[in-house]
Amino acid sequence: MKVLLVKPASDMHVILPPLGLGYLASYCQNLMPDIDIRILDCHRQGYSPEQFKHYLKEFQPDLVGITAFSMEINSAVKLAVAAKEVAKETVVVIGGPHASAVPEHVLSCEVVDFVFRGESEIGFSYFLKNFFTADKLNAPGLAYRSEQGITLNKVELVSELDSLPFPDYKKMEFEKYPKMYFMKRFPAASIISSRGCPYKCTFCAGHKVSGRLWRARSVGNIIAEIKYLCAEYGIEEIDFWDDNFTL
């Protein structure tokens, strides 16, 4: 089975490794070593839908999973259209913040087969394990169309973050990412040391993805990732991207 995880091109001014896709790839690859999983960052590479179609024709994935913020959703849908134009049988899944917040809106697009809400390591891996059976519809966090309307399965959060493998930096091609304006030293790496936030700030929809239950990685686990990044990529700066780093 071939799986392509995609970050769409957009007008976003920041170009960073897609850690969410990196976590998905490493988690699923650990559980299912025989699956061929790739990560394609169309934003970093400046891929147009036509270039994306060329990539699809070469790789021929069974499933295309696209992550998207709200400002990227139109671009994500264009990639979904491209995937179906290359091969109608390709299963298209959209996840990320926008799909987590308004899954019904995303599923109103006919080219989107499924949506995943919230943290998706558990649900997406379940979906892939049962990809060729009807049991895939029981995946946690899955949203899909049926004759009864739209079904929203309950989201299952990762309770023990130390159980997650580090994001797959090799599949993300980490070394190819440029220096961003907020980085004082380079190479720099982003790390997520905790997930979730219990507060209810009106300007934030982070809980739609990571929930309101705050969970933290152990100090040893975080340091192990930093040591790995220093050894493999010569990292000189760490940027934390937690929902609530100071809680």
C-alpha atoms as a PDB file:
ATOM      1  CA  MET A   1       0.000   0.000   0.000  1.00  0.00           C
ATOM      2  CA  LYS A   2       1.199   3.505  -0.878  1.00  0.00           C
ATOM      3  CA  VAL A   3       0.298   6.575   1.191  1.00  0.00           C
ATOM      4  CA  LEU A   4       1.121  10.190   0.303  1.00  0.00           C
ATOM      5  CA  LEU A   5       0.853  12.828   3.042  1.00  0.00           C
ATOM      6  CA  VAL A   6       0.678  16.353   1.654  1.00  0.00           C
ATOM      7  CA  LYS A   7       0.982  19.948   2.801  1.00  0.00           C
ATOM      8  CA  PRO A   8      -0.619  22.221   0.185  1.00  0.00           C
ATOM      9  CA  ALA A   9       0.905  25.344  -1.292  1.00  0.00           C
ATOM     10  CA  SER A  10      -0.455  28.608   0.085  1.00  0.00           C
ATOM     11  CA  ASP A  11       0.248  32.306   0.680  1.00  0.00           C
ATOM     12  CA  MET A  12       1.444  31.508   4.205  1.00  0.00           C
ATOM     13  CA  HIS A  13       4.661  33.462   4.854  1.00  0.00           C
ATOM     14  CA  VAL A  14       6.208  30.771   7.072  1.00  0.00           C
ATOM     15  CA  ILE A  15       7.817  27.646   5.609  1.00  0.00           C
ATOM     16  CA  LEU A  16       8.363  25.026   8.298  1.00  0.00           C
ATOM     17  CA  PRO A  17       8.521  21.223   8.348  1.00  0.00           C
ATOM     18  CA  PRO A  18       4.980  19.806   8.708  1.00  0.00           C
ATOM     19  CA  LEU A  19       5.439  18.183  12.135  1.00  0.00           C
ATOM     20  CA  GLY A  20       1.882  16.835  12.165  1.00  0.00           C
ATOM     21  CA  LEU A  21       2.532  14.852   8.991  1.00  0.00           C
ATOM     22  CA  GLY A  22       5.921  13.831  10.395  1.00  0.00           C
ATOM     23  CA  TYR A  23       4.251  12.362  13.466  1.00  0.00           C
ATOM     24  CA  LEU A  24       1.635  10.591  11.353  1.00  0.00           C
ATOM     25  CA  ALA A  25       4.277   9.080   9.086  1.00  0.00           C
ATOM     26  CA  SER A  26       6.509   7.790  11.881  1.00  0.00           C
ATOM     27  CA  TYR A  27       3.600   6.431  13.938  1.00  0.00           C
ATOM     28  CA  CYS A  28       2.012   4.573  11.017  1.00  0.00           C
ATOM     29  CA  GLN A  29       5.345   3.350   9.656  1.00  0.00           C
ATOM     30  CA  ASN A  30       6.234   1.858  13.053  1.00  0.00           C
ATOM     31  CA  LEU A  31       2.946  -0.029  13.213  1.00  0.00           C
ATOM     32  CA  MET A  32       2.954  -1.031   9.536  1.00  0.00           C
ATOM     33  CA  PRO A  33       6.547  -1.300   8.259  1.00  0.00           C
ATOM     34  CA  ASP A  34       5.448  -2.624   4.848  1.00  0.00           C
ATOM     35  CA  ILE A  35       3.467   0.497   3.920  1.00  0.00           C
ATOM     36  CA  ASP A  36       5.218   2.978   1.626  1.00  0.00           C
ATOM     37  CA  ILE A  37       4.581   6.397   3.199  1.00  0.00           C
ATOM     38  CA  ARG A  38       5.882   9.632   1.723  1.00  0.00           C
ATOM     39  CA  ILE A  39       5.569  13.286   2.711  1.00  0.00           C
ATOM     40  CA  LEU A  40       5.265  15.980   0.039  1.00  0.00           C
ATOM     41  CA  ASP A  41       5.417  19.649   1.047  1.00  0.00           C
ATOM     42  CA  CYS A  42       3.946  21.502  -1.923  1.00  0.00           C
ATOM     43  CA  HIS A  43       4.354  24.770  -0.023  1.00  0.00           C
ATOM     44  CA  ARG A  44       8.120  24.451   0.346  1.00  0.00           C
ATOM     45  CA  GLN A  45       8.589  23.102  -3.167  1.00  0.00           C
ATOM     46  CA  GLY A  46       6.170  25.533  -4.799  1.00  0.00           C
ATOM     47  CA  TYR A  47       4.227  22.750  -6.493  1.00  0.00           C
ATOM     48  CA  SER A  48       1.285  23.726  -8.686  1.00  0.00           C
ATOM     49  CA  PRO A  49      -1.656  21.289  -9.103  1.00  0.00           C
ATOM     50  CA  GLU A  50      -0.142  20.215 -12.435  1.00  0.00           C
ATOM     51  CA  GLN A  51       3.220  19.434 -10.848  1.00  0.00           C
ATOM     52  CA  PHE A  52       1.352  17.605  -8.115  1.00  0.00           C
ATOM     53  CA  LYS A  53      -0.420  15.493 -10.738  1.00  0.00           C
ATOM     54  CA  HIS A  54       2.937  14.592 -12.276  1.00  0.00           C
ATOM     55  CA  TYR A  55       4.181  13.442  -8.860  1.00  0.00           C
ATOM     56  CA  LEU A  56       1.019  11.348  -8.387  1.00  0.00           C
ATOM     57  CA  LYS A  57       1.466   9.651 -11.754  1.00  0.00           C
ATOM     58  CA  GLU A  58       4.971   8.581 -10.729  1.00  0.00           C
ATOM     59  CA  PHE A  59       4.176   7.443  -7.171  1.00  0.00           C
ATOM     60  CA  GLN A  60       0.598   6.147  -7.745  1.00  0.00           C
ATOM     61  CA  PRO A  61      -0.594   6.278  -4.116  1.00  0.00           C
ATOM     62  CA  ASP A  62      -3.643   4.405  -2.882  1.00  0.00           C
ATOM     63  CA  LEU A  63      -4.402   7.217  -0.462  1.00  0.00           C
ATOM     64  CA  VAL A  64      -3.645  10.934  -0.443  1.00  0.00           C
ATOM     65  CA  GLY A  65      -3.869  12.616   2.967  1.00  0.00           C
ATOM     66  CA  ILE A  66      -3.820  16.424   2.986  1.00  0.00           C
ATOM     67  CA  THR A  67      -3.466  18.679   6.014  1.00  0.00           C
ATOM     68  CA  ALA A  68      -4.778  22.238   5.901  1.00  0.00           C
ATOM     69  CA  PHE A  69      -5.261  25.389   7.928  1.00  0.00           C
ATOM     70  CA  SER A  70      -8.322  27.435   6.932  1.00  0.00           C
ATOM     71  CA  MET A  71      -6.186  29.682   4.730  1.00  0.00           C
ATOM     72  CA  GLU A  72      -4.971  26.566   2.880  1.00  0.00           C
ATOM     73  CA  ILE A  73      -8.268  24.730   2.390  1.00  0.00           C
ATOM     74  CA  ASN A  74      -8.921  26.014  -1.140  1.00  0.00           C
ATOM     75  CA  SER A  75      -5.451  24.867  -2.173  1.00  0.00           C
ATOM     76  CA  ALA A  76      -6.071  21.519  -0.470  1.00  0.00           C
ATOM     77  CA  VAL A  77      -9.287  21.007  -2.415  1.00  0.00           C
ATOM     78  CA  LYS A  78      -7.463  21.780  -5.679  1.00  0.00           C
ATOM     79  CA  LEU A  79      -4.998  19.003  -4.830  1.00  0.00           C
ATOM     80  CA  ALA A  80      -7.906  16.685  -4.072  1.00  0.00           C
ATOM     81  CA  VAL A  81      -9.375  17.456  -7.505  1.00  0.00           C
ATOM     82  CA  ALA A  82      -5.994  16.776  -9.096  1.00  0.00           C
ATOM     83  CA  ALA A  83      -5.711  13.432  -7.293  1.00  0.00           C
ATOM     84  CA  LYS A  84      -9.100  12.317  -8.596  1.00  0.00           C
ATOM     85  CA  GLU A  85      -8.238  13.465 -12.113  1.00  0.00           C
ATOM     86  CA  VAL A  86      -5.127  11.291 -12.081  1.00  0.00           C
ATOM     87  CA  ALA A  87      -6.909   8.248 -10.630  1.00  0.00           C
ATOM     88  CA  LYS A  88     -10.579   8.266  -9.562  1.00  0.00           C
ATOM     89  CA  GLU A  89     -10.024   5.332  -7.222  1.00  0.00           C
ATOM     90  CA  THR A  90      -7.479   7.246  -5.131  1.00  0.00           C
ATOM     91  CA  VAL A  91      -8.868   7.788  -1.645  1.00  0.00           C
ATOM     92  CA  VAL A  92      -8.604  11.439  -0.599  1.00  0.00           C
ATOM     93  CA  VAL A  93      -8.507  12.351   3.095  1.00  0.00           C
ATOM     94  CA  ILE A  94      -8.257  15.863   4.558  1.00  0.00           C
ATOM     95  CA  GLY A  95      -7.258  16.590   8.137  1.00  0.00           C
ATOM     96  CA  GLY A  96      -5.722  19.401  10.148  1.00  0.00           C
ATOM     97  CA  PRO A  97      -7.201  22.493  11.832  1.00  0.00           C
ATOM     98  CA  HIS A  98      -9.833  23.432   9.223  1.00  0.00           C
ATOM     99  CA  ALA A  99     -11.211  19.912   8.858  1.00  0.00           C
ATOM    100  CA  SER A 100     -11.226  19.523  12.643  1.00  0.00           C
ATOM    101  CA  ALA A 101     -13.246  22.715  13.099  1.00  0.00           C
ATOM    102  CA  VAL A 102     -15.758  22.363  10.250  1.00  0.00           C
ATOM    103  CA  PRO A 103     -15.729  18.761   8.949  1.00  0.00           C
ATOM    104  CA  GLU A 104     -19.135  19.142   7.317  1.00  0.00           C
ATOM    105  CA  HIS A 105     -17.832  22.008   5.185  1.00  0.00           C
ATOM    106  CA  VAL A 106     -14.891  19.941   3.949  1.00  0.00           C
ATOM    107  CA  LEU A 107     -17.082  16.904   3.235  1.00  0.00           C
ATOM    108  CA  SER A 108     -19.372  19.068   1.100  1.00  0.00           C
ATOM    109  CA  CYS A 109     -16.620  18.793  -1.538  1.00  0.00           C
ATOM    110  CA  GLU A 110     -17.356  15.662  -3.579  1.00  0.00           C
ATOM    111  CA  VAL A 111     -13.650  14.998  -4.240  1.00  0.00           C
ATOM    112  CA  VAL A 112     -13.015  14.543  -0.505  1.00  0.00           C
ATOM    113  CA  ASP A 113     -13.782  10.996   0.597  1.00  0.00           C
ATOM    114  CA  PHE A 114     -13.005  11.246   4.312  1.00  0.00           C
ATOM    115  CA  VAL A 115     -12.052  13.767   6.972  1.00  0.00           C
ATOM    116  CA  PHE A 116     -10.061  13.258  10.165  1.00  0.00           C
ATOM    117  CA  ARG A 117     -10.655  15.500  13.156  1.00  0.00           C
ATOM    118  CA  GLY A 118      -8.231  16.200  15.976  1.00  0.00           C
ATOM    119  CA  GLU A 119      -5.046  14.292  16.673  1.00  0.00           C
ATOM    120  CA  SER A 120      -4.996  11.556  14.077  1.00  0.00           C
ATOM    121  CA  GLU A 121      -2.175   9.142  14.937  1.00  0.00           C
ATOM    122  CA  ILE A 122      -4.532   6.589  16.498  1.00  0.00           C
ATOM    123  CA  GLY A 123      -7.418   7.047  14.079  1.00  0.00           C
ATOM    124  CA  PHE A 124      -5.430   7.325  10.859  1.00  0.00           C
ATOM    125  CA  SER A 125      -3.313   4.253  11.659  1.00  0.00           C
ATOM    126  CA  TYR A 126      -6.527   2.314  12.398  1.00  0.00           C
ATOM    127  CA  PHE A 127      -7.918   3.489   9.061  1.00  0.00           C
ATOM    128  CA  LEU A 128      -4.826   2.294   7.187  1.00  0.00           C
ATOM    129  CA  LYS A 129      -4.766  -1.064   8.998  1.00  0.00           C
ATOM    130  CA  ASN A 130      -8.351  -1.699   7.913  1.00  0.00           C
ATOM    131  CA  PHE A 131      -8.152   0.139   4.599  1.00  0.00           C
ATOM    132  CA  PHE A 132      -9.500  -2.766   2.528  1.00  0.00           C
ATOM    133  CA  THR A 133     -12.418  -3.595   4.867  1.00  0.00           C
ATOM    134  CA  ALA A 134     -15.552  -1.800   6.035  1.00  0.00           C
ATOM    135  CA  ASP A 135     -14.062  -1.681   9.541  1.00  0.00           C
ATOM    136  CA  LYS A 136     -12.061   1.370   8.494  1.00  0.00           C
ATOM    137  CA  LEU A 137     -15.248   3.384   9.076  1.00  0.00           C
ATOM    138  CA  ASN A 138     -14.843   2.765  12.821  1.00  0.00           C
ATOM    139  CA  ALA A 139     -11.574   4.733  12.961  1.00  0.00           C
ATOM    140  CA  PRO A 140     -11.508   7.274  15.823  1.00  0.00           C
ATOM    141  CA  GLY A 141     -11.830  10.849  14.605  1.00  0.00           C
ATOM    142  CA  LEU A 142     -13.083   9.829  11.153  1.00  0.00           C
ATOM    143  CA  ALA A 143     -15.855  11.804   9.482  1.00  0.00           C
ATOM    144  CA  TYR A 144     -17.632  10.534   6.360  1.00  0.00           C
ATOM    145  CA  ARG A 145     -20.755  10.763   4.252  1.00  0.00           C
ATOM    146  CA  SER A 146     -23.441   8.091   4.334  1.00  0.00           C
ATOM    147  CA  GLU A 147     -27.094   7.694   3.417  1.00  0.00           C
ATOM    148  CA  GLN A 148     -27.963   8.915   6.912  1.00  0.00           C
ATOM    149  CA  GLY A 149     -25.929  12.084   6.479  1.00  0.00           C
ATOM    150  CA  ILE A 150     -22.515  12.850   7.905  1.00  0.00           C
ATOM    151  CA  THR A 151     -21.071  10.622  10.607  1.00  0.00           C
ATOM    152  CA  LEU A 152     -18.545  12.061  13.075  1.00  0.00           C
ATOM    153  CA  ASN A 153     -16.668   9.372  14.995  1.00  0.00           C
ATOM    154  CA  LYS A 154     -15.405  10.257  18.466  1.00  0.00           C
ATOM    155  CA  VAL A 155     -11.873  11.666  18.530  1.00  0.00           C
ATOM    156  CA  GLU A 156      -9.277   9.714  20.527  1.00  0.00           C
ATOM    157  CA  LEU A 157      -6.376  11.746  21.914  1.00  0.00           C
ATOM    158  CA  VAL A 158      -2.924  10.296  22.557  1.00  0.00           C
ATOM    159  CA  SER A 159      -2.761  10.031  26.354  1.00  0.00           C
ATOM    160  CA  GLU A 160       0.954   9.239  26.682  1.00  0.00           C
ATOM    161  CA  LEU A 161       2.956  11.489  24.362  1.00  0.00           C
ATOM    162  CA  ASP A 162       6.180   9.616  25.156  1.00  0.00           C
ATOM    163  CA  SER A 163       4.658   6.633  23.340  1.00  0.00           C
ATOM    164  CA  LEU A 164       4.881   8.538  20.055  1.00  0.00           C
ATOM    165  CA  PRO A 165       8.017   8.143  17.934  1.00  0.00           C
ATOM    166  CA  PHE A 166       9.738  11.372  16.924  1.00  0.00           C
ATOM    167  CA  PRO A 167       8.452  12.983  13.703  1.00  0.00           C
ATOM    168  CA  ASP A 168      10.003  11.426  10.607  1.00  0.00           C
ATOM    169  CA  TYR A 169      12.540  14.134   9.799  1.00  0.00           C
ATOM    170  CA  LYS A 170      13.960  12.137   6.878  1.00  0.00           C
ATOM    171  CA  LYS A 171      10.602  11.850   5.120  1.00  0.00           C
ATOM    172  CA  MET A 172      10.044  15.581   5.711  1.00  0.00           C
ATOM    173  CA  GLU A 173      13.473  16.329   4.141  1.00  0.00           C
ATOM    174  CA  PHE A 174      14.176  18.518   7.138  1.00  0.00           C
ATOM    175  CA  GLU A 175      17.551  19.747   5.884  1.00  0.00           C
ATOM    176  CA  LYS A 176      15.916  21.481   2.889  1.00  0.00           C
ATOM    177  CA  TYR A 177      13.888  24.006   4.914  1.00  0.00           C
ATOM    178  CA  PRO A 178      15.025  27.661   4.838  1.00  0.00           C
ATOM    179  CA  LYS A 179      15.791  30.015   7.692  1.00  0.00           C
ATOM    180  CA  MET A 180      12.725  31.953   8.890  1.00  0.00           C
ATOM    181  CA  TYR A 181      12.727  35.575  10.060  1.00  0.00           C
ATOM    182  CA  PHE A 182      12.130  34.662  13.732  1.00  0.00           C
ATOM    183  CA  MET A 183      15.113  32.318  13.943  1.00  0.00           C
ATOM    184  CA  LYS A 184      18.138  33.878  15.628  1.00  0.00           C
ATOM    185  CA  ARG A 185      20.425  30.948  14.833  1.00  0.00           C
ATOM    186  CA  PHE A 186      20.319  28.382  12.049  1.00  0.00           C
ATOM    187  CA  PRO A 187      19.807  25.483  11.528  1.00  0.00           C
ATOM    188  CA  ALA A 188      16.779  25.661  13.823  1.00  0.00           C
ATOM    189  CA  ALA A 189      14.124  23.074  14.583  1.00  0.00           C
ATOM    190  CA  SER A 190      10.539  23.202  15.812  1.00  0.00           C
ATOM    191  CA  ILE A 191       9.481  20.889  18.630  1.00  0.00           C
ATOM    192  CA  ILE A 192       6.119  20.115  20.208  1.00  0.00           C
ATOM    193  CA  SER A 193       6.668  19.253  23.867  1.00  0.00           C
ATOM    194  CA  SER A 194       3.019  19.153  24.951  1.00  0.00           C
ATOM    195  CA  ARG A 195      -0.462  19.062  23.492  1.00  0.00           C
ATOM    196  CA  GLY A 196      -3.789  20.541  24.479  1.00  0.00           C
ATOM    197  CA  CYS A 197      -4.885  23.586  26.464  1.00  0.00           C
ATOM    198  CA  PRO A 198      -7.609  23.757  29.163  1.00  0.00           C
ATOM    199  CA  TYR A 199      -8.475  27.415  28.592  1.00  0.00           C
ATOM    200  CA  LYS A 200     -11.253  28.894  26.454  1.00  0.00           C
ATOM    201  CA  CYS A 201      -9.724  31.906  24.731  1.00  0.00           C
ATOM    202  CA  THR A 202     -12.213  33.224  22.181  1.00  0.00           C
ATOM    203  CA  PHE A 203      -9.510  33.857  19.574  1.00  0.00           C
ATOM    204  CA  CYS A 204      -8.123  30.308  19.593  1.00  0.00           C
ATOM    205  CA  ALA A 205      -9.408  27.077  18.041  1.00  0.00           C
ATOM    206  CA  GLY A 206      -6.421  24.960  19.097  1.00  0.00           C
ATOM    207  CA  HIS A 207      -8.671  22.721  21.183  1.00  0.00           C
ATOM    208  CA  LYS A 208     -10.376  21.574  17.980  1.00  0.00           C
ATOM    209  CA  VAL A 209      -7.161  19.726  17.128  1.00  0.00           C
ATOM    210  CA  SER A 210      -5.440  18.885  20.410  1.00  0.00           C
ATOM    211  CA  GLY A 211      -8.325  19.020  22.877  1.00  0.00           C
ATOM    212  CA  ARG A 212      -8.564  20.727  26.255  1.00  0.00           C
ATOM    213  CA  LEU A 213      -6.677  18.045  28.174  1.00  0.00           C
ATOM    214  CA  TRP A 214      -3.079  19.240  28.596  1.00  0.00           C
ATOM    215  CA  ARG A 215      -0.528  16.442  28.182  1.00  0.00           C
ATOM    216  CA  ALA A 216       3.246  16.799  28.315  1.00  0.00           C
ATOM    217  CA  ARG A 217       6.174  14.741  27.157  1.00  0.00           C
ATOM    218  CA  SER A 218       8.764  13.825  29.774  1.00  0.00           C
ATOM    219  CA  VAL A 219      11.907  15.921  30.068  1.00  0.00           C
ATOM    220  CA  GLY A 220      14.021  12.941  29.039  1.00  0.00           C
ATOM    221  CA  ASN A 221      11.959  12.362  25.913  1.00  0.00           C
ATOM    222  CA  ILE A 222      12.244  16.010  24.842  1.00  0.00           C
ATOM    223  CA  ILE A 223      15.995  16.083  25.466  1.00  0.00           C
ATOM    224  CA  ALA A 224      16.410  12.863  23.473  1.00  0.00           C
ATOM    225  CA  GLU A 225      14.775  14.534  20.454  1.00  0.00           C
ATOM    226  CA  ILE A 226      16.970  17.629  20.848  1.00  0.00           C
ATOM    227  CA  LYS A 227      20.079  15.436  21.015  1.00  0.00           C
ATOM    228  CA  TYR A 228      18.933  13.599  17.873  1.00  0.00           C
ATOM    229  CA  LEU A 229      18.414  16.900  16.009  1.00  0.00           C
ATOM    230  CA  CYS A 230      21.809  18.192  17.096  1.00  0.00           C
ATOM    231  CA  ALA A 231      23.574  14.989  16.058  1.00  0.00           C
ATOM    232  CA  GLU A 232      21.783  14.556  12.715  1.00  0.00           C
ATOM    233  CA  TYR A 233      21.273  18.160  11.584  1.00  0.00           C
ATOM    234  CA  GLY A 234      23.584  20.362  13.671  1.00  0.00           C
ATOM    235  CA  ILE A 235      20.666  22.228  15.237  1.00  0.00           C
ATOM    236  CA  GLU A 236      21.581  25.499  16.995  1.00  0.00           C
ATOM    237  CA  GLU A 237      18.102  26.672  18.029  1.00  0.00           C
ATOM    238  CA  ILE A 238      14.845  25.067  19.193  1.00  0.00           C
ATOM    239  CA  ASP A 239      11.458  26.728  18.629  1.00  0.00           C
ATOM    240  CA  PHE A 240       8.622  25.318  20.734  1.00  0.00           C
ATOM    241  CA  TRP A 241       5.223  25.195  19.047  1.00  0.00           C
ATOM    242  CA  ASP A 242       3.049  23.953  21.917  1.00  0.00           C
ATOM    243  CA  ASP A 243      -0.575  25.031  22.341  1.00  0.00           C
ATOM    244  CA  ASN A 244       0.404  26.177  25.844  1.00  0.00           C
ATOM    245  CA  PHE A 245       4.155  25.805  26.511  1.00  0.00           C
ATOM    246  CA  THR A 246       4.078  27.666  29.836  1.00  0.00           C
ATOM    247  CA  LEU A 247       1.169  25.857  31.503  1.00  0.00           C
END
